[in-house]
């Protein structure tokens, strides 16, 4: 089983200052624990958007190999 979670990242840019970005983490359940297998760290500043994307990916049991394609499609 694979689950997707939104993750929060604090970013500091010299030009614009600090901001909070949200990314997507893919985890696989094996041997009674979850382990990270893929991440796209900076997708959007919209927490709800990334959380909805994580839920859709989990519900559809998206292969982590396709994660970047799904993120790119969601942003376009």
PDB file of N, CA and C in Angstrom:
ATOM      1  N   UNK A   1       0.830  -1.177   0.000  1.00  0.00           N
ATOM      2  CA  UNK A   1       0.000   0.000   0.000  1.00  0.00           C
ATOM      3  C   UNK A   1       0.877   1.244   0.000  1.00  0.00           C
ATOM      4  N   UNK A   2       0.424   2.246  -0.734  1.00  0.00           N
ATOM      5  CA  UNK A   2       1.141   3.513  -0.816  1.00  0.00           C
ATOM      6  C   UNK A   2       0.211   4.622  -0.349  1.00  0.00           C
ATOM      7  N   UNK A   3       0.767   5.544   0.428  1.00  0.00           N
ATOM      8  CA  UNK A   3      -0.004   6.723   0.819  1.00  0.00           C
ATOM      9  C   UNK A   3       0.783   7.974   0.454  1.00  0.00           C
ATOM     10  N   UNK A   4       0.052   9.010   0.210  1.00  0.00           N
ATOM     11  CA  UNK A   4       0.642  10.299  -0.124  1.00  0.00           C
ATOM     12  C   UNK A   4       0.235  11.301   0.948  1.00  0.00           C
ATOM     13  N   UNK A   5       1.182  12.126   1.367  1.00  0.00           N
ATOM     14  CA  UNK A   5       0.918  13.151   2.370  1.00  0.00           C
ATOM     15  C   UNK A   5       1.491  14.477   1.886  1.00  0.00           C
ATOM     16  N   UNK A   6       0.815  15.549   2.275  1.00  0.00           N
ATOM     17  CA  UNK A   6       1.403  16.856   1.999  1.00  0.00           C
ATOM     18  C   UNK A   6       2.449  17.122   3.072  1.00  0.00           C
ATOM     19  N   UNK A   7       3.511  17.784   2.674  1.00  0.00           N
ATOM     20  CA  UNK A   7       4.581  18.145   3.602  1.00  0.00           C
ATOM     21  C   UNK A   7       4.791  19.651   3.522  1.00  0.00           C
ATOM     22  N   UNK A   8       5.236  20.221   4.598  1.00  0.00           N
ATOM     23  CA  UNK A   8       5.459  21.658   4.675  1.00  0.00           C
ATOM     24  C   UNK A   8       6.946  21.940   4.684  1.00  0.00           C
ATOM     25  N   UNK A   9       7.337  22.984   3.953  1.00  0.00           N
ATOM     26  CA  UNK A   9       8.745  23.346   3.884  1.00  0.00           C
ATOM     27  C   UNK A   9       8.854  24.860   3.985  1.00  0.00           C
ATOM     28  N   UNK A  10       9.690  25.327   4.857  1.00  0.00           N
ATOM     29  CA  UNK A  10       9.942  26.759   4.989  1.00  0.00           C
ATOM     30  C   UNK A  10      11.105  27.104   4.071  1.00  0.00           C
ATOM     31  N   UNK A  11      10.905  28.084   3.200  1.00  0.00           N
ATOM     32  CA  UNK A  11      11.910  28.457   2.206  1.00  0.00           C
ATOM     33  C   UNK A  11      12.295  29.915   2.419  1.00  0.00           C
ATOM     34  N   UNK A  12      13.561  30.212   2.276  1.00  0.00           N
ATOM     35  CA  UNK A  12      14.040  31.580   2.401  1.00  0.00           C
ATOM     36  C   UNK A  12      14.761  31.962   1.112  1.00  0.00           C
ATOM     37  N   UNK A  13      14.215  32.950   0.427  1.00  0.00           N
ATOM     38  CA  UNK A  13      14.836  33.463  -0.783  1.00  0.00           C
ATOM     39  C   UNK A  13      15.359  34.865  -0.519  1.00  0.00           C
ATOM     40  N   UNK A  14      16.545  35.163  -0.989  1.00  0.00           N
ATOM     41  CA  UNK A  14      17.111  36.497  -0.793  1.00  0.00           C
ATOM     42  C   UNK A  14      16.238  37.575  -1.431  1.00  0.00           C
ATOM     43  N   UNK A  15      15.691  37.268  -2.613  1.00  0.00           N
ATOM     44  CA  UNK A  15      14.932  38.266  -3.361  1.00  0.00           C
ATOM     45  C   UNK A  15      13.586  38.601  -2.717  1.00  0.00           C
ATOM     46  N   UNK A  16      12.896  37.596  -2.166  1.00  0.00           N
ATOM     47  CA  UNK A  16      11.528  37.797  -1.692  1.00  0.00           C
ATOM     48  C   UNK A  16      11.333  37.541  -0.205  1.00  0.00           C
ATOM     49  N   UNK A  17      12.294  36.937   0.437  1.00  0.00           N
ATOM     50  CA  UNK A  17      12.157  36.626   1.852  1.00  0.00           C
ATOM     51  C   UNK A  17      11.581  35.236   2.071  1.00  0.00           C
ATOM     52  N   UNK A  18      11.149  34.953   3.302  1.00  0.00           N
ATOM     53  CA  UNK A  18      10.664  33.605   3.630  1.00  0.00           C
ATOM     54  C   UNK A  18       9.238  33.354   3.136  1.00  0.00           C
ATOM     55  N   UNK A  19       8.974  32.097   2.822  1.00  0.00           N
ATOM     56  CA  UNK A  19       7.616  31.666   2.509  1.00  0.00           C
ATOM     57  C   UNK A  19       7.476  30.193   2.844  1.00  0.00           C
ATOM     58  N   UNK A  20       6.237  29.730   2.927  1.00  0.00           N
ATOM     59  CA  UNK A  20       5.963  28.326   3.215  1.00  0.00           C
ATOM     60  C   UNK A  20       5.474  27.656   1.949  1.00  0.00           C
ATOM     61  N   UNK A  21       6.104  26.558   1.609  1.00  0.00           N
ATOM     62  CA  UNK A  21       5.723  25.785   0.428  1.00  0.00           C
ATOM     63  C   UNK A  21       5.260  24.403   0.882  1.00  0.00           C
ATOM     64  N   UNK A  22       4.413  23.805   0.071  1.00  0.00           N
ATOM     65  CA  UNK A  22       3.904  22.464   0.375  1.00  0.00           C
ATOM     66  C   UNK A  22       4.280  21.527  -0.757  1.00  0.00           C
ATOM     67  N   UNK A  23       4.682  20.330  -0.371  1.00  0.00           N
ATOM     68  CA  UNK A  23       5.081  19.318  -1.327  1.00  0.00           C
ATOM     69  C   UNK A  23       4.323  18.026  -1.073  1.00  0.00           C
ATOM     70  N   UNK A  24       4.706  17.016  -1.829  1.00  0.00           N
ATOM     71  CA  UNK A  24       4.032  15.727  -1.788  1.00  0.00           C
ATOM     72  C   UNK A  24       5.047  14.644  -1.453  1.00  0.00           C
ATOM     73  N   UNK A  25       4.715  13.831  -0.458  1.00  0.00           N
ATOM     74  CA  UNK A  25       5.564  12.730  -0.022  1.00  0.00           C
ATOM     75  C   UNK A  25       4.835  11.420  -0.263  1.00  0.00           C
ATOM     76  N   UNK A  26       5.491  10.490  -0.928  1.00  0.00           N
ATOM     77  CA  UNK A  26       4.944   9.146  -1.133  1.00  0.00           C
ATOM     78  C   UNK A  26       5.603   8.210  -0.131  1.00  0.00           C
ATOM     79  N   UNK A  27       4.776   7.409   0.556  1.00  0.00           N
ATOM     80  CA  UNK A  27       5.278   6.452   1.528  1.00  0.00           C
ATOM     81  C   UNK A  27       4.688   5.078   1.238  1.00  0.00           C
ATOM     82  N   UNK A  28       5.495   4.052   1.473  1.00  0.00           N
ATOM     83  CA  UNK A  28       5.063   2.676   1.261  1.00  0.00           C
ATOM     84  C   UNK A  28       5.034   1.949   2.603  1.00  0.00           C
ATOM     85  N   UNK A  29       3.971   1.158   2.804  1.00  0.00           N
ATOM     86  CA  UNK A  29       3.840   0.390   4.043  1.00  0.00           C
ATOM     87  C   UNK A  29       4.458  -0.986   3.840  1.00  0.00           C
ATOM     88  N   UNK A  30       5.442  -1.273   4.672  1.00  0.00           N
ATOM     89  CA  UNK A  30       6.103  -2.584   4.622  1.00  0.00           C
ATOM     90  C   UNK A  30       6.724  -2.867   5.981  1.00  0.00           C
ATOM     91  N   UNK A  31       6.692  -4.108   6.375  1.00  0.00           N
ATOM     92  CA  UNK A  31       7.288  -4.527   7.658  1.00  0.00           C
ATOM     93  C   UNK A  31       6.756  -3.697   8.827  1.00  0.00           C
ATOM     94  N   UNK A  32       5.439  -3.481   8.841  1.00  0.00           N
ATOM     95  CA  UNK A  32       4.760  -2.771   9.930  1.00  0.00           C
ATOM     96  C   UNK A  32       5.178  -1.316  10.113  1.00  0.00           C
ATOM     97  N   UNK A  33       5.663  -0.683   9.064  1.00  0.00           N
ATOM     98  CA  UNK A  33       6.002   0.737   9.174  1.00  0.00           C
ATOM     99  C   UNK A  33       5.938   1.409   7.794  1.00  0.00           C
ATOM    100  N   UNK A  34       5.824   2.720   7.807  1.00  0.00           N
ATOM    101  CA  UNK A  34       5.805   3.515   6.581  1.00  0.00           C
ATOM    102  C   UNK A  34       7.209   4.021   6.304  1.00  0.00           C
ATOM    103  N   UNK A  35       7.626   3.945   5.036  1.00  0.00           N
ATOM    104  CA  UNK A  35       8.940   4.488   4.669  1.00  0.00           C
ATOM    105  C   UNK A  35       8.780   5.359   3.440  1.00  0.00           C
ATOM    106  N   UNK A  36       9.486   6.481   3.443  1.00  0.00           N
ATOM    107  CA  UNK A  36       9.426   7.422   2.326  1.00  0.00           C
ATOM    108  C   UNK A  36      10.074   6.795   1.100  1.00  0.00           C
ATOM    109  N   UNK A  37       9.411   6.942  -0.059  1.00  0.00           N
ATOM    110  CA  UNK A  37       9.971   6.383  -1.289  1.00  0.00           C
ATOM    111  C   UNK A  37      10.102   7.423  -2.400  1.00  0.00           C
ATOM    112  N   UNK A  38       9.399   8.552  -2.283  1.00  0.00           N
ATOM    113  CA  UNK A  38       9.511   9.605  -3.296  1.00  0.00           C
ATOM    114  C   UNK A  38       8.995  10.914  -2.725  1.00  0.00           C
ATOM    115  N   UNK A  39       9.518  12.023  -3.224  1.00  0.00           N
ATOM    116  CA  UNK A  39       9.071  13.329  -2.758  1.00  0.00           C
ATOM    117  C   UNK A  39       9.185  14.366  -3.875  1.00  0.00           C
ATOM    118  N   UNK A  40       8.213  15.252  -3.927  1.00  0.00           N
ATOM    119  CA  UNK A  40       8.277  16.464  -4.735  1.00  0.00           C
ATOM    120  C   UNK A  40       8.119  17.584  -3.705  1.00  0.00           C
ATOM    121  N   UNK A  41       9.204  18.269  -3.337  1.00  0.00           N
ATOM    122  CA  UNK A  41       9.203  19.100  -2.143  1.00  0.00           C
ATOM    123  C   UNK A  41       8.515  20.465  -2.231  1.00  0.00           C
ATOM    124  N   UNK A  42       8.413  21.057  -3.386  1.00  0.00           N
ATOM    125  CA  UNK A  42       7.903  22.430  -3.475  1.00  0.00           C
ATOM    126  C   UNK A  42       6.922  22.526  -4.636  1.00  0.00           C
ATOM    127  N   UNK A  43       5.639  22.262  -4.350  1.00  0.00           N
ATOM    128  CA  UNK A  43       4.618  22.260  -5.394  1.00  0.00           C
ATOM    129  C   UNK A  43       3.856  23.575  -5.413  1.00  0.00           C
ATOM    130  N   UNK A  44       3.422  24.025  -4.233  1.00  0.00           N
ATOM    131  CA  UNK A  44       2.542  25.192  -4.165  1.00  0.00           C
ATOM    132  C   UNK A  44       2.578  25.797  -2.772  1.00  0.00           C
ATOM    133  N   UNK A  45       2.149  27.036  -2.680  1.00  0.00           N
ATOM    134  CA  UNK A  45       1.964  27.685  -1.380  1.00  0.00           C
ATOM    135  C   UNK A  45       0.547  27.443  -0.857  1.00  0.00           C
ATOM    136  N   UNK A  46      -0.258  26.780  -1.645  1.00  0.00           N
ATOM    137  CA  UNK A  46      -1.657  26.495  -1.302  1.00  0.00           C
ATOM    138  C   UNK A  46      -1.743  25.123  -0.618  1.00  0.00           C
ATOM    139  N   UNK A  47      -1.860  25.151   0.705  1.00  0.00           N
ATOM    140  CA  UNK A  47      -1.882  23.918   1.497  1.00  0.00           C
ATOM    141  C   UNK A  47      -3.049  23.006   1.108  1.00  0.00           C
ATOM    142  N   UNK A  48      -4.226  23.578   0.912  1.00  0.00           N
ATOM    143  CA  UNK A  48      -5.416  22.783   0.576  1.00  0.00           C
ATOM    144  C   UNK A  48      -5.261  22.101  -0.784  1.00  0.00           C
ATOM    145  N   UNK A  49      -4.675  22.786  -1.742  1.00  0.00           N
ATOM    146  CA  UNK A  49      -4.453  22.209  -3.074  1.00  0.00           C
ATOM    147  C   UNK A  49      -3.591  20.957  -2.991  1.00  0.00           C
ATOM    148  N   UNK A  50      -2.496  21.049  -2.250  1.00  0.00           N
ATOM    149  CA  UNK A  50      -1.571  19.914  -2.128  1.00  0.00           C
ATOM    150  C   UNK A  50      -2.209  18.787  -1.313  1.00  0.00           C
ATOM    151  N   UNK A  51      -2.968  19.127  -0.284  1.00  0.00           N
ATOM    152  CA  UNK A  51      -3.651  18.100   0.514  1.00  0.00           C
ATOM    153  C   UNK A  51      -4.662  17.335  -0.337  1.00  0.00           C
ATOM    154  N   UNK A  52      -5.402  18.038  -1.184  1.00  0.00           N
ATOM    155  CA  UNK A  52      -6.362  17.372  -2.080  1.00  0.00           C
ATOM    156  C   UNK A  52      -5.639  16.479  -3.082  1.00  0.00           C
ATOM    157  N   UNK A  53      -4.525  16.952  -3.585  1.00  0.00           N
ATOM    158  CA  UNK A  53      -3.737  16.153  -4.523  1.00  0.00           C
ATOM    159  C   UNK A  53      -3.231  14.881  -3.837  1.00  0.00           C
ATOM    160  N   UNK A  54      -2.772  14.998  -2.596  1.00  0.00           N
ATOM    161  CA  UNK A  54      -2.300  13.826  -1.839  1.00  0.00           C
ATOM    162  C   UNK A  54      -3.423  12.820  -1.649  1.00  0.00           C
ATOM    163  N   UNK A  55      -4.618  13.316  -1.336  1.00  0.00           N
ATOM    164  CA  UNK A  55      -5.750  12.407  -1.141  1.00  0.00           C
ATOM    165  C   UNK A  55      -6.111  11.679  -2.436  1.00  0.00           C
ATOM    166  N   UNK A  56      -6.119  12.392  -3.542  1.00  0.00           N
ATOM    167  CA  UNK A  56      -6.439  11.770  -4.840  1.00  0.00           C
ATOM    168  C   UNK A  56      -5.403  10.709  -5.210  1.00  0.00           C
ATOM    169  N   UNK A  57      -4.139  11.023  -4.968  1.00  0.00           N
ATOM    170  CA  UNK A  57      -3.078  10.067  -5.296  1.00  0.00           C
ATOM    171  C   UNK A  57      -3.181   8.813  -4.432  1.00  0.00           C
ATOM    172  N   UNK A  58      -3.498   8.988  -3.153  1.00  0.00           N
ATOM    173  CA  UNK A  58      -3.660   7.841  -2.252  1.00  0.00           C
ATOM    174  C   UNK A  58      -4.859   7.007  -2.665  1.00  0.00           C
ATOM    175  N   UNK A  59      -5.974   7.673  -2.894  1.00  0.00           N
ATOM    176  CA  UNK A  59      -7.205   6.960  -3.262  1.00  0.00           C
ATOM    177  C   UNK A  59      -7.013   6.167  -4.553  1.00  0.00           C
ATOM    178  N   UNK A  60      -6.305   6.746  -5.511  1.00  0.00           N
ATOM    179  CA  UNK A  60      -6.067   6.071  -6.785  1.00  0.00           C
ATOM    180  C   UNK A  60      -4.871   5.138  -6.775  1.00  0.00           C
ATOM    181  N   UNK A  61      -4.159   5.067  -5.637  1.00  0.00           N
ATOM    182  CA  UNK A  61      -2.962   4.237  -5.507  1.00  0.00           C
ATOM    183  C   UNK A  61      -1.981   4.497  -6.663  1.00  0.00           C
ATOM    184  N   UNK A  62      -1.709   5.777  -6.865  1.00  0.00           N
ATOM    185  CA  UNK A  62      -0.780   6.219  -7.900  1.00  0.00           C
ATOM    186  C   UNK A  62       0.595   5.595  -7.703  1.00  0.00           C
ATOM    187  N   UNK A  63       1.183   5.143  -8.790  1.00  0.00           N
ATOM    188  CA  UNK A  63       2.554   4.660  -8.733  1.00  0.00           C
ATOM    189  C   UNK A  63       3.482   5.858  -8.529  1.00  0.00           C
ATOM    190  N   UNK A  64       4.427   5.772  -7.599  1.00  0.00           N
ATOM    191  CA  UNK A  64       5.354   6.890  -7.373  1.00  0.00           C
ATOM    192  C   UNK A  64       6.132   7.289  -8.632  1.00  0.00           C
ATOM    193  N   UNK A  65       6.276   6.373  -9.552  1.00  0.00           N
ATOM    194  CA  UNK A  65       6.958   6.684 -10.812  1.00  0.00           C
ATOM    195  C   UNK A  65       6.210   7.761 -11.581  1.00  0.00           C
ATOM    196  N   UNK A  66       4.901   7.829 -11.406  1.00  0.00           N
ATOM    197  CA  UNK A  66       4.071   8.796 -12.129  1.00  0.00           C
ATOM    198  C   UNK A  66       3.823  10.086 -11.347  1.00  0.00           C
ATOM    199  N   UNK A  67       4.387  10.186 -10.156  1.00  0.00           N
ATOM    200  CA  UNK A  67       4.095  11.314  -9.274  1.00  0.00           C
ATOM    201  C   UNK A  67       4.425  12.665  -9.906  1.00  0.00           C
ATOM    202  N   UNK A  68       5.586  12.824 -10.485  1.00  0.00           N
ATOM    203  CA  UNK A  68       5.967  14.102 -11.077  1.00  0.00           C
ATOM    204  C   UNK A  68       5.044  14.477 -12.237  1.00  0.00           C
ATOM    205  N   UNK A  69       4.638  13.501 -13.045  1.00  0.00           N
ATOM    206  CA  UNK A  69       3.704  13.775 -14.141  1.00  0.00           C
ATOM    207  C   UNK A  69       2.363  14.273 -13.615  1.00  0.00           C
ATOM    208  N   UNK A  70       1.865  13.663 -12.549  1.00  0.00           N
ATOM    209  CA  UNK A  70       0.595  14.067 -11.959  1.00  0.00           C
ATOM    210  C   UNK A  70       0.692  15.470 -11.373  1.00  0.00           C
ATOM    211  N   UNK A  71       1.782  15.773 -10.710  1.00  0.00           N
ATOM    212  CA  UNK A  71       1.986  17.113 -10.153  1.00  0.00           C
ATOM    213  C   UNK A  71       2.014  18.141 -11.280  1.00  0.00           C
ATOM    214  N   UNK A  72       2.758  17.858 -12.325  1.00  0.00           N
ATOM    215  CA  UNK A  72       2.846  18.775 -13.470  1.00  0.00           C
ATOM    216  C   UNK A  72       1.477  18.998 -14.091  1.00  0.00           C
ATOM    217  N   UNK A  73       0.711  17.939 -14.284  1.00  0.00           N
ATOM    218  CA  UNK A  73      -0.648  18.060 -14.842  1.00  0.00           C
ATOM    219  C   UNK A  73      -1.548  18.877 -13.927  1.00  0.00           C
ATOM    220  N   UNK A  74      -1.444  18.678 -12.639  1.00  0.00           N
ATOM    221  CA  UNK A  74      -2.292  19.395 -11.671  1.00  0.00           C
ATOM    222  C   UNK A  74      -2.006  20.884 -11.659  1.00  0.00           C
ATOM    223  N   UNK A  75      -0.768  21.242 -11.951  1.00  0.00           N
ATOM    224  CA  UNK A  75      -0.389  22.653 -11.952  1.00  0.00           C
ATOM    225  C   UNK A  75      -0.727  23.375 -13.240  1.00  0.00           C
ATOM    226  N   UNK A  76      -1.000  22.615 -14.289  1.00  0.00           N
ATOM    227  CA  UNK A  76      -1.273  23.275 -15.582  1.00  0.00           C
ATOM    228  C   UNK A  76      -2.756  23.497 -15.815  1.00  0.00           C
TER     229      UNK A  76
END
